[in-house]
Each structure stands twice: as structure tokens, then as C-alpha cells.
Amino acid sequence: MSKNNGYELSTIAQRYATAFIDLGEKLNQLDLFESDLNTIASTIKTNSELKKFLEYFAISAKDKKDVIETIFKESISVYTLNLLKLLVDKNRLFLIQYIYNHYHKMLNKKRNISVAQVISAIKTDEETLNRIKEKLENIFNTRIEIDNKIKPDIIAGMVIKIGDRTI
């Protein structure tokens, strides 16, 4: 399967995320699993040497699992470690960021949390973001998580996207 087919990758990652969220519910470990996935995804994303090692096809699955266990054994749950090992065995470890993204979105949906993208030309201060969050929570009658993005090509003001709405 090609790594370039984003739709297929997203579908596969969603299946793993769904199964993992089901397990998290059964074990009452939803927050722990989200934290674990975030730790793994950010560690791999920020460590180019680790990423290259884990993606290199000539390195055996056993060696990759040994390295994963050494790095993450003390910082993630045994269930998340087993997920990583399964992904290595299936040659799908490159999906970890997709899996985390889907897990996070599904968890937010379960908790009735919507994500609002606040896009502005310059960095928006925390006080302003908090006021925006409060207003959006009142308008949409849901909890809001702010994702602040900076796009210098915006001339003035800001764009707020929540779901399929743009404000």
C-alpha cells in the first residue's frame, strides 16, 4: 500500500484509533492512551534519527521493537506499547501521527468538545484567545478547544473556523 494515498491511510488509521478508543473505554484509560499517543507521535516527529530508523525497511521488526521498548517502556502503558509493536509487525508505524489525530478527534467528539481554528496574521495573546473561547462556547453551547495558527498573508483581523463554519 502506498504511503501517498492519504484517504486510505486515514481510513486505516481510523480503524486503529477506534479499536484503541474502545479499549480505553473498557479500561477507563482514555486520557492515558491519548497522552501516550501524543508522546509517541511528538517524539518520533521531533527526532529525525529515530524516525529514519523506524522507517528504514532493512532494519528488522525485532530491532525496531527493541528500540521502541527501550525508549518508551517507562513512559507509556503496556497497551500502547503493544499497539506500537503491532504497528511495527504490520509495517504501519508511519501511521502513528494519523492514529493520534483520529484518536484525539474521536475523544473530543465523545466529550462534546469542538475545535476552533483561530487564524491570524500575528500571534494572538492568551487573554484574547480565552475571550474568543468563551464567546464560542456560549454561541455553540459546547466546550471549545482553540487551535491557534499564524498566517502572515492575512491582511487584518482573524479567521475563525469551527466545524464547517467560518467566521
Foldseek 3Di string as FASTA:
>chain_A
DDPPPVVVLLVVLLVVLVVVCVVCVVVVNLVQLLVLLVVVVVVLVVDVVLVCVLLDPVDDLVVNLVVLCVVPVVPHDPVVSVVCSVCSVVVNNVSSVSNSVSNVVVVCVVQQEWEKEKEEQDDDDPVVVVVVQVVVCVVVVGHYDYDYYHDNVDPDDIWIDIDPDID
